[in-house]
Amino acid sequence: MNVSFSHTKPKIFIVFFALIISSLNGTSQSFESYDTPAPKFDWKERVFFGGNLGAQFGSYTFINVAPLVGFKITDRLSIGTQLQYQYFRYNIGRVIESHVFGYSGFSRYSFTNNLFGYAEYQVLNGYFDYSGKRTNIPHFFIGGGYQYPISDNVSFNIMALYEVIQRTYSPYVNPIIRAGVNVGL
């Protein structure tokens, strides 16, 4: 007696396929009943403000005011923009004085809760030479820093940066040390 199962295999395949499809359909229906709405995007948790204030007085006077606003893309990565106002006054046989304005864009990546890497592209506009013309000078900073939390929404930051471009009339001398305060909403 010779028994052939050639007709049975397609029937088993069809039944098996129907069971898989019905289980997938049942699973999707069960997810719908437990579907929760996506959390609302809260700008207050992502936006932060801060800046730097600096001053030096004496034969060389320097005042720096630099407010910033930033946005946390993720818990570790932030981007932002900063405005600059700098005032220079020094005496080298004659008094040289300049009001410098600028802007910058920056990014910051947190390696830990306190340590972060930092990059910034900045353009300053002012009188940097003896030509009497305002000049734009670009700067590119890289470095890192330490963030010390003061409260849930306030932190003190200190950074050590290196200015990569090094223009002749740059007001910066490497390394650059910055300190400031950031305040979240």
C-alpha atoms as a PDB file:
ATOM      1  CA  MET A   1       0.000   0.000   0.000  1.00  0.00           C
ATOM      2  CA  ASN A   2       1.391   3.357  -1.007  1.00  0.00           C
ATOM      3  CA  VAL A   3       0.192   6.437   0.936  1.00  0.00           C
ATOM      4  CA  SER A   4       0.754   9.910  -0.493  1.00  0.00           C
ATOM      5  CA  PHE A   5       0.679  13.102   1.605  1.00  0.00           C
ATOM      6  CA  SER A   6       1.130  15.511  -1.259  1.00  0.00           C
ATOM      7  CA  HIS A   7      -2.407  16.827  -0.886  1.00  0.00           C
ATOM      8  CA  THR A   8      -2.095  17.165   2.896  1.00  0.00           C
ATOM      9  CA  LYS A   9       0.935  19.525   2.912  1.00  0.00           C
ATOM     10  CA  PRO A  10      -0.827  22.422   1.144  1.00  0.00           C
ATOM     11  CA  LYS A  11      -3.816  22.084   3.518  1.00  0.00           C
ATOM     12  CA  ILE A  12      -1.543  22.166   6.584  1.00  0.00           C
ATOM     13  CA  PHE A  13       0.291  25.195   5.162  1.00  0.00           C
ATOM     14  CA  ILE A  14      -2.995  27.041   4.562  1.00  0.00           C
ATOM     15  CA  VAL A  15      -4.240  26.270   8.092  1.00  0.00           C
ATOM     16  CA  PHE A  16      -0.872  27.293   9.602  1.00  0.00           C
ATOM     17  CA  PHE A  17      -0.839  30.547   7.561  1.00  0.00           C
ATOM     18  CA  ALA A  18      -4.441  31.343   8.611  1.00  0.00           C
ATOM     19  CA  LEU A  19      -3.535  30.836  12.288  1.00  0.00           C
ATOM     20  CA  ILE A  20      -0.565  33.229  12.012  1.00  0.00           C
ATOM     21  CA  ILE A  21      -2.650  35.915  10.272  1.00  0.00           C
ATOM     22  CA  SER A  22      -5.473  35.625  12.806  1.00  0.00           C
ATOM     23  CA  SER A  23      -3.041  35.866  15.739  1.00  0.00           C
ATOM     24  CA  LEU A  24      -1.446  38.996  14.253  1.00  0.00           C
ATOM     25  CA  ASN A  25      -4.855  40.553  13.757  1.00  0.00           C
ATOM     26  CA  GLY A  26      -5.847  39.708  17.331  1.00  0.00           C
ATOM     27  CA  THR A  27      -2.588  41.179  18.631  1.00  0.00           C
ATOM     28  CA  SER A  28      -3.118  44.451  16.818  1.00  0.00           C
ATOM     29  CA  GLN A  29      -6.596  44.729  18.257  1.00  0.00           C
ATOM     30  CA  SER A  30      -5.285  44.163  21.765  1.00  0.00           C
ATOM     31  CA  PHE A  31      -2.688  46.949  21.326  1.00  0.00           C
ATOM     32  CA  GLU A  32      -5.433  49.344  20.281  1.00  0.00           C
ATOM     33  CA  SER A  33      -7.274  48.837  23.536  1.00  0.00           C
ATOM     34  CA  TYR A  34      -4.111  49.720  25.548  1.00  0.00           C
ATOM     35  CA  ASP A  35      -3.006  52.556  23.294  1.00  0.00           C
ATOM     36  CA  THR A  36      -1.854  55.551  25.342  1.00  0.00           C
ATOM     37  CA  PRO A  37      -1.488  59.015  23.890  1.00  0.00           C
ATOM     38  CA  ALA A  38       2.043  60.197  23.168  1.00  0.00           C
ATOM     39  CA  PRO A  39       3.402  62.548  25.815  1.00  0.00           C
ATOM     40  CA  LYS A  40       3.152  66.210  24.934  1.00  0.00           C
ATOM     41  CA  PHE A  41       6.362  67.984  23.983  1.00  0.00           C
ATOM     42  CA  ASP A  42       7.267  70.385  26.783  1.00  0.00           C
ATOM     43  CA  TRP A  43       9.415  73.324  25.652  1.00  0.00           C
ATOM     44  CA  LYS A  44      10.075  74.310  29.252  1.00  0.00           C
ATOM     45  CA  GLU A  45      12.053  71.120  29.822  1.00  0.00           C
ATOM     46  CA  ARG A  46      14.170  71.642  26.679  1.00  0.00           C
ATOM     47  CA  VAL A  47      14.966  75.375  26.597  1.00  0.00           C
ATOM     48  CA  PHE A  48      17.661  76.932  28.771  1.00  0.00           C
ATOM     49  CA  PHE A  49      19.152  80.392  29.193  1.00  0.00           C
ATOM     50  CA  GLY A  50      22.496  81.524  30.496  1.00  0.00           C
ATOM     51  CA  GLY A  51      25.577  83.386  29.530  1.00  0.00           C
ATOM     52  CA  ASN A  52      28.935  84.729  30.504  1.00  0.00           C
ATOM     53  CA  LEU A  53      29.967  87.922  32.225  1.00  0.00           C
ATOM     54  CA  GLY A  54      33.586  88.909  32.459  1.00  0.00           C
ATOM     55  CA  ALA A  55      35.625  91.946  33.398  1.00  0.00           C
ATOM     56  CA  GLN A  56      39.216  92.987  33.836  1.00  0.00           C
ATOM     57  CA  PHE A  57      40.275  96.477  34.889  1.00  0.00           C
ATOM     58  CA  GLY A  58      43.584  98.294  34.975  1.00  0.00           C
ATOM     59  CA  SER A  59      45.932  99.347  32.173  1.00  0.00           C
ATOM     60  CA  TYR A  60      44.081  96.790  30.048  1.00  0.00           C
ATOM     61  CA  THR A  61      40.296  96.976  30.457  1.00  0.00           C
ATOM     62  CA  PHE A  62      38.061  94.225  29.127  1.00  0.00           C
ATOM     63  CA  ILE A  63      34.314  93.805  29.667  1.00  0.00           C
ATOM     64  CA  ASN A  64      32.356  90.891  28.207  1.00  0.00           C
ATOM     65  CA  VAL A  65      28.574  90.351  28.238  1.00  0.00           C
ATOM     66  CA  ALA A  66      27.325  87.258  26.402  1.00  0.00           C
ATOM     67  CA  PRO A  67      23.729  86.053  26.953  1.00  0.00           C
ATOM     68  CA  LEU A  68      22.751  82.710  25.436  1.00  0.00           C
ATOM     69  CA  VAL A  69      19.706  80.588  24.719  1.00  0.00           C
ATOM     70  CA  GLY A  70      19.944  76.856  24.141  1.00  0.00           C
ATOM     71  CA  PHE A  71      17.823  73.859  23.290  1.00  0.00           C
ATOM     72  CA  LYS A  72      18.275  70.283  24.521  1.00  0.00           C
ATOM     73  CA  ILE A  73      17.875  68.005  21.494  1.00  0.00           C
ATOM     74  CA  THR A  74      18.392  64.942  23.692  1.00  0.00           C
ATOM     75  CA  ASP A  75      19.344  64.547  27.335  1.00  0.00           C
ATOM     76  CA  ARG A  76      23.025  64.644  26.296  1.00  0.00           C
ATOM     77  CA  LEU A  77      23.122  66.906  23.201  1.00  0.00           C
ATOM     78  CA  SER A  78      22.358  70.635  23.267  1.00  0.00           C
ATOM     79  CA  ILE A  79      22.640  73.394  20.687  1.00  0.00           C
ATOM     80  CA  GLY A  80      22.253  77.116  21.039  1.00  0.00           C
ATOM     81  CA  THR A  81      23.124  80.637  20.058  1.00  0.00           C
ATOM     82  CA  GLN A  82      24.872  83.413  21.908  1.00  0.00           C
ATOM     83  CA  LEU A  83      25.207  87.171  21.451  1.00  0.00           C
ATOM     84  CA  GLN A  84      28.433  88.971  22.355  1.00  0.00           C
ATOM     85  CA  TYR A  85      29.339  92.435  23.499  1.00  0.00           C
ATOM     86  CA  GLN A  86      32.959  93.153  24.353  1.00  0.00           C
ATOM     87  CA  TYR A  87      34.661  96.369  25.314  1.00  0.00           C
ATOM     88  CA  PHE A  88      38.455  96.759  25.073  1.00  0.00           C
ATOM     89  CA  ARG A  89      40.546  99.660  26.277  1.00  0.00           C
ATOM     90  CA  TYR A  90      44.309  99.634  26.680  1.00  0.00           C
ATOM     91  CA  ASN A  91      47.169 102.084  26.648  1.00  0.00           C
ATOM     92  CA  ILE A  92      50.287 101.332  24.566  1.00  0.00           C
ATOM     93  CA  GLY A  93      51.587 104.873  24.323  1.00  0.00           C
ATOM     94  CA  ARG A  94      48.177 105.908  23.056  1.00  0.00           C
ATOM     95  CA  VAL A  95      44.727 104.768  24.141  1.00  0.00           C
ATOM     96  CA  ILE A  96      43.085 102.129  21.983  1.00  0.00           C
ATOM     97  CA  GLU A  97      39.399 101.506  22.563  1.00  0.00           C
ATOM     98  CA  SER A  98      36.901  99.262  20.777  1.00  0.00           C
ATOM     99  CA  HIS A  99      33.302  98.129  21.089  1.00  0.00           C
ATOM    100  CA  VAL A 100      32.975  94.618  19.659  1.00  0.00           C
ATOM    101  CA  PHE A 101      29.711  92.911  18.753  1.00  0.00           C
ATOM    102  CA  GLY A 102      29.250  89.305  17.741  1.00  0.00           C
ATOM    103  CA  TYR A 103      27.197  86.164  17.603  1.00  0.00           C
ATOM    104  CA  SER A 104      27.885  82.468  17.798  1.00  0.00           C
ATOM    105  CA  GLY A 105      26.347  79.036  17.488  1.00  0.00           C
ATOM    106  CA  PHE A 106      27.404  76.227  19.794  1.00  0.00           C
ATOM    107  CA  SER A 107      26.866  72.574  20.550  1.00  0.00           C
ATOM    108  CA  ARG A 108      27.490  70.727  23.781  1.00  0.00           C
ATOM    109  CA  TYR A 109      27.580  66.981  24.408  1.00  0.00           C
ATOM    110  CA  SER A 110      27.405  65.651  27.983  1.00  0.00           C
ATOM    111  CA  PHE A 111      29.618  62.622  28.581  1.00  0.00           C
ATOM    112  CA  THR A 112      28.508  62.348  32.215  1.00  0.00           C
ATOM    113  CA  ASN A 113      26.216  64.403  34.437  1.00  0.00           C
ATOM    114  CA  ASN A 114      29.059  66.867  34.999  1.00  0.00           C
ATOM    115  CA  LEU A 115      31.595  66.590  32.124  1.00  0.00           C
ATOM    116  CA  PHE A 116      30.842  67.830  28.601  1.00  0.00           C
ATOM    117  CA  GLY A 117      32.484  68.497  25.263  1.00  0.00           C
ATOM    118  CA  TYR A 118      31.931  71.835  23.546  1.00  0.00           C
ATOM    119  CA  ALA A 119      32.284  73.375  20.064  1.00  0.00           C
ATOM    120  CA  GLU A 120      31.444  76.931  18.990  1.00  0.00           C
ATOM    121  CA  TYR A 121      31.668  79.012  15.841  1.00  0.00           C
ATOM    122  CA  GLN A 122      31.780  82.749  16.566  1.00  0.00           C
ATOM    123  CA  VAL A 123      32.013  85.923  14.477  1.00  0.00           C
ATOM    124  CA  LEU A 124      33.113  89.174  16.109  1.00  0.00           C
ATOM    125  CA  ASN A 125      32.822  92.598  14.507  1.00  0.00           C
ATOM    126  CA  GLY A 126      34.964  95.489  15.730  1.00  0.00           C
ATOM    127  CA  TYR A 127      38.081  97.624  15.281  1.00  0.00           C
ATOM    128  CA  PHE A 128      40.907  95.113  15.589  1.00  0.00           C
ATOM    129  CA  ASP A 129      43.703  96.913  13.725  1.00  0.00           C
ATOM    130  CA  TYR A 130      44.814 100.464  12.999  1.00  0.00           C
ATOM    131  CA  SER A 131      42.922 100.798   9.688  1.00  0.00           C
ATOM    132  CA  GLY A 132      39.901 102.449  11.311  1.00  0.00           C
ATOM    133  CA  LYS A 133      37.528  99.957   9.632  1.00  0.00           C
ATOM    134  CA  ARG A 134      35.246  97.544  11.427  1.00  0.00           C
ATOM    135  CA  THR A 135      36.267  93.989  10.605  1.00  0.00           C
ATOM    136  CA  ASN A 136      34.597  90.595  10.990  1.00  0.00           C
ATOM    137  CA  ILE A 137      36.828  87.964  12.564  1.00  0.00           C
ATOM    138  CA  PRO A 138      35.649  84.335  12.742  1.00  0.00           C
ATOM    139  CA  HIS A 139      36.639  82.014  15.580  1.00  0.00           C
ATOM    140  CA  PHE A 140      36.196  78.286  16.112  1.00  0.00           C
ATOM    141  CA  PHE A 141      36.492  76.961  19.658  1.00  0.00           C
ATOM    142  CA  ILE A 142      36.727  73.344  20.818  1.00  0.00           C
ATOM    143  CA  GLY A 143      37.138  72.062  24.330  1.00  0.00           C
ATOM    144  CA  GLY A 144      35.284  70.785  27.313  1.00  0.00           C
ATOM    145  CA  GLY A 145      33.942  71.739  30.644  1.00  0.00           C
ATOM    146  CA  TYR A 146      32.500  70.895  34.002  1.00  0.00           C
ATOM    147  CA  GLN A 147      28.900  71.594  35.025  1.00  0.00           C
ATOM    148  CA  TYR A 148      28.118  71.967  38.721  1.00  0.00           C
ATOM    149  CA  PRO A 149      24.389  71.808  39.513  1.00  0.00           C
ATOM    150  CA  ILE A 150      23.260  74.429  42.013  1.00  0.00           C
ATOM    151  CA  SER A 151      19.572  73.434  41.918  1.00  0.00           C
ATOM    152  CA  ASP A 152      17.228  71.521  39.600  1.00  0.00           C
ATOM    153  CA  ASN A 153      17.222  74.315  36.997  1.00  0.00           C
ATOM    154  CA  VAL A 154      20.441  76.240  37.716  1.00  0.00           C
ATOM    155  CA  SER A 155      24.025  75.174  37.076  1.00  0.00           C
ATOM    156  CA  PHE A 156      27.471  76.749  37.147  1.00  0.00           C
ATOM    157  CA  ASN A 157      29.737  75.923  34.179  1.00  0.00           C
ATOM    158  CA  ILE A 158      33.446  76.294  33.650  1.00  0.00           C
ATOM    159  CA  MET A 159      35.105  75.537  30.300  1.00  0.00           C
ATOM    160  CA  ALA A 160      38.616  75.314  28.888  1.00  0.00           C
ATOM    161  CA  LEU A 161      38.610  76.071  25.150  1.00  0.00           C
ATOM    162  CA  TYR A 162      41.131  76.237  22.347  1.00  0.00           C
ATOM    163  CA  GLU A 163      40.610  78.725  19.488  1.00  0.00           C
ATOM    164  CA  VAL A 164      41.518  76.795  16.330  1.00  0.00           C
ATOM    165  CA  ILE A 165      41.591  79.547  13.649  1.00  0.00           C
ATOM    166  CA  GLN A 166      44.035  81.941  15.414  1.00  0.00           C
ATOM    167  CA  ARG A 167      43.668  85.169  13.384  1.00  0.00           C
ATOM    168  CA  THR A 168      46.252  87.920  13.705  1.00  0.00           C
ATOM    169  CA  TYR A 169      43.900  90.414  15.353  1.00  0.00           C
ATOM    170  CA  SER A 170      42.029  87.923  17.500  1.00  0.00           C
ATOM    171  CA  PRO A 171      41.221  89.139  21.014  1.00  0.00           C
ATOM    172  CA  TYR A 172      41.715  85.572  22.320  1.00  0.00           C
ATOM    173  CA  VAL A 173      44.865  83.908  23.605  1.00  0.00           C
ATOM    174  CA  ASN A 174      44.820  80.116  24.052  1.00  0.00           C
ATOM    175  CA  PRO A 175      43.739  78.534  26.302  1.00  0.00           C
ATOM    176  CA  ILE A 176      40.470  80.379  26.902  1.00  0.00           C
ATOM    177  CA  ILE A 177      38.781  79.827  30.267  1.00  0.00           C
ATOM    178  CA  ARG A 178      35.074  80.655  30.517  1.00  0.00           C
ATOM    179  CA  ALA A 179      32.749  80.481  33.476  1.00  0.00           C
ATOM    180  CA  GLY A 180      29.017  81.121  33.532  1.00  0.00           C
ATOM    181  CA  VAL A 181      25.608  80.195  34.833  1.00  0.00           C
ATOM    182  CA  ASN A 182      22.803  78.390  32.954  1.00  0.00           C
ATOM    183  CA  VAL A 183      19.160  78.632  34.037  1.00  0.00           C
ATOM    184  CA  GLY A 184      16.415  76.314  32.743  1.00  0.00           C
ATOM    185  CA  LEU A 185      12.795  77.396  32.561  1.00  0.00           C
END
